[in-house]
Amino acid sequence: MDKFIINIDWQRSSDDFSYDTYNRSHVIYVGGDQTIHNSAAPEYKGDTDMTNPEELFASSLASCHMMTFLAVASRSGYIVDNYECKAEAFLGKNNNGKIWVSEITLYPLTVFSGDKYPTGEQLKSLHDKAHANCFIAQSINTKVNVLFSQES
């Protein structure tokens, strides 16, 4: 079983520790000595110049879908030259009234080259296979929509 480790460091920077004044900014340390300067979403008193957990959650799904899509496309004999994806995460309340990421919509755009281009139905199949094999998508209860397009 593979294991992935991150570390988070937060330090209080306010004189007091009340909900309205404590800072939300923190650093996430990931593999390869990379750092991510993170905060809460602006709606929750976070720093607009930093990423937030909701964005990182959507980006992890989008990245996993892309990596899986590239593997599926490659094994299917397609050449992908470019893949771009916008991801939108929506917050809602679950059945217990708790806030959760209820839905994420991915908008991938792929550019293919070579002798073999997927039809619309084949492209849908590639994305369906990518979704079914993306381990992040298989790990969440969030509804995921994939609204794809391609350029040739």
Protein backbone atom coordinates (compact mmCIF):
# COMPACT_ATOMS: atom_id res chain seq x y z
CA MET A 1 0.00 0.00 0.00
CA ASP A 2 1.38 3.39 -0.99
CA LYS A 3 1.59 6.14 1.62
CA PHE A 4 1.63 9.89 1.07
CA ILE A 5 2.57 12.34 3.78
CA ILE A 6 2.01 16.08 4.10
CA ASN A 7 2.74 18.38 7.01
CA ILE A 8 0.85 21.51 8.01
CA ASP A 9 2.23 24.39 10.06
CA TRP A 10 -0.01 27.12 11.52
CA GLN A 11 1.08 29.78 13.98
CA ARG A 12 -1.20 32.26 15.71
CA SER A 13 -0.36 35.80 14.64
CA SER A 14 -3.16 37.69 16.39
CA ASP A 15 -3.05 39.01 19.95
CA ASP A 16 -6.20 37.11 20.83
CA PHE A 17 -7.74 33.87 19.65
CA SER A 18 -11.31 34.73 18.76
CA TYR A 19 -13.15 33.36 15.74
CA ASP A 20 -13.26 36.78 14.07
CA THR A 21 -9.57 37.58 14.48
CA TYR A 22 -7.39 34.49 14.38
CA ASN A 23 -5.46 34.04 11.15
CA ARG A 24 -6.35 31.23 8.78
CA SER A 25 -3.08 31.23 6.83
CA HIS A 26 -0.85 28.19 7.10
CA VAL A 27 1.80 26.33 5.14
CA ILE A 28 1.40 22.85 3.71
CA TYR A 29 4.63 20.95 3.13
CA VAL A 30 4.46 18.23 0.49
CA GLY A 31 6.97 15.86 -1.08
CA GLY A 32 10.11 17.22 -2.67
CA ASP A 33 10.36 20.17 -0.27
CA GLN A 34 7.43 21.93 -1.92
CA THR A 35 5.32 24.36 0.06
CA ILE A 36 1.77 25.54 -0.49
CA HIS A 37 0.65 28.73 1.18
CA ASN A 38 -2.92 27.99 2.12
CA SER A 39 -5.74 29.68 3.97
CA ALA A 40 -9.46 29.38 4.44
CA ALA A 41 -11.74 30.45 1.60
CA PRO A 42 -12.47 34.20 1.66
CA GLU A 43 -16.05 33.42 2.70
CA TYR A 44 -14.60 31.94 5.89
CA LYS A 45 -12.26 34.83 6.71
CA GLY A 46 -9.36 33.50 4.65
CA ASP A 47 -6.70 35.19 2.54
CA THR A 48 -7.80 35.70 -1.07
CA ASP A 49 -4.17 35.50 -2.26
CA MET A 50 -3.74 31.91 -1.08
CA THR A 51 -5.25 28.60 -2.07
CA ASN A 52 -7.91 27.12 0.15
CA PRO A 53 -9.02 23.56 0.97
CA GLU A 54 -11.97 23.73 -1.41
CA GLU A 55 -9.69 24.67 -4.32
CA LEU A 56 -7.16 21.99 -3.39
CA PHE A 57 -9.93 19.39 -3.19
CA ALA A 58 -11.19 20.32 -6.67
CA SER A 59 -7.63 20.42 -8.03
CA SER A 60 -6.83 16.98 -6.65
CA LEU A 61 -9.88 15.54 -8.44
CA ALA A 62 -9.11 17.42 -11.68
CA SER A 63 -5.45 16.36 -11.61
CA CYS A 64 -6.30 12.72 -10.91
CA HIS A 65 -8.90 12.70 -13.70
CA MET A 66 -6.35 14.21 -16.11
CA MET A 67 -3.59 11.75 -15.19
CA THR A 68 -6.00 8.83 -15.56
CA PHE A 69 -7.39 10.23 -18.83
CA LEU A 70 -3.87 10.52 -20.28
CA ALA A 71 -3.13 6.91 -19.35
CA VAL A 72 -6.40 5.68 -20.86
CA ALA A 73 -5.93 7.75 -24.05
CA SER A 74 -2.33 6.57 -24.46
CA ARG A 75 -3.27 2.93 -24.02
CA SER A 76 -6.08 3.43 -26.54
CA GLY A 77 -3.63 4.65 -29.20
CA TYR A 78 -4.44 8.38 -29.12
CA ILE A 79 -1.86 11.15 -29.00
CA VAL A 80 -2.80 13.97 -26.64
CA ASP A 81 -0.89 17.19 -27.25
CA ASN A 82 -2.63 19.40 -24.71
CA TYR A 83 -5.08 19.00 -21.86
CA GLU A 84 -6.59 21.93 -20.00
CA CYS A 85 -9.27 21.74 -17.36
CA LYS A 86 -11.31 24.23 -15.40
CA ALA A 87 -12.85 22.79 -12.23
CA GLU A 88 -15.72 24.28 -10.24
CA ALA A 89 -16.47 23.12 -6.70
CA PHE A 90 -19.85 23.84 -5.15
CA LEU A 91 -20.59 23.86 -1.45
CA GLY A 92 -23.95 22.75 -0.11
CA LYS A 93 -25.40 21.13 2.98
CA ASN A 94 -25.60 17.38 3.37
CA ASN A 95 -28.48 15.42 4.92
CA ASN A 96 -27.11 16.22 8.39
CA GLY A 97 -27.08 19.96 7.65
CA LYS A 98 -23.28 20.07 7.46
CA ILE A 99 -21.45 22.06 4.79
CA TRP A 100 -19.72 19.83 2.25
CA VAL A 101 -18.40 19.93 -1.31
CA SER A 102 -21.58 18.62 -2.90
CA GLU A 103 -20.56 18.82 -6.53
CA ILE A 104 -17.50 19.35 -8.71
CA THR A 105 -17.76 20.02 -12.42
CA LEU A 106 -14.72 19.45 -14.63
CA TYR A 107 -14.43 21.17 -18.00
CA PRO A 108 -11.55 19.38 -19.75
CA LEU A 109 -10.43 20.48 -23.20
CA THR A 110 -8.12 18.13 -25.09
CA VAL A 111 -6.06 18.60 -28.21
CA PHE A 112 -5.13 15.46 -30.15
CA SER A 113 -2.72 14.88 -33.03
CA GLY A 114 -1.56 11.97 -35.14
CA ASP A 115 -3.57 9.66 -37.35
CA LYS A 116 -6.23 8.71 -34.82
CA TYR A 117 -8.76 11.18 -33.41
CA PRO A 118 -11.57 10.11 -31.08
CA THR A 119 -15.17 10.66 -32.12
CA GLY A 120 -17.45 12.36 -29.63
CA GLU A 121 -18.64 8.99 -28.35
CA GLN A 122 -15.07 7.69 -28.06
CA LEU A 123 -14.03 10.83 -26.17
CA LYS A 124 -16.95 10.32 -23.79
CA SER A 125 -15.81 6.72 -23.28
CA LEU A 126 -12.25 7.89 -22.51
CA HIS A 127 -13.56 10.31 -19.88
CA ASP A 128 -15.93 7.69 -18.45
CA LYS A 129 -13.01 5.26 -18.09
CA ALA A 130 -10.86 8.01 -16.56
CA HIS A 131 -13.57 8.80 -14.02
CA ALA A 132 -14.15 5.13 -13.19
CA ASN A 133 -10.41 4.59 -12.60
CA CYS A 134 -9.49 7.87 -10.91
CA PHE A 135 -8.80 6.91 -7.31
CA ILE A 136 -9.74 10.37 -6.01
CA ALA A 137 -13.14 10.16 -7.73
CA GLN A 138 -13.61 6.70 -6.24
CA SER A 139 -12.77 8.02 -2.77
CA ILE A 140 -15.42 10.74 -2.49
CA ASN A 141 -19.19 11.06 -2.22
CA THR A 142 -19.22 14.35 -4.12
CA LYS A 143 -21.18 14.38 -7.38
CA VAL A 144 -18.74 14.75 -10.29
CA ASN A 145 -19.72 16.09 -13.72
CA VAL A 146 -17.33 15.96 -16.68
CA LEU A 147 -18.31 18.37 -19.47
CA PHE A 148 -15.62 17.80 -22.09
CA SER A 149 -14.68 19.25 -25.46
CA GLN A 150 -11.85 18.76 -27.89
CA GLU A 151 -9.91 20.68 -30.47
CA SER A 152 -8.27 19.07 -33.45
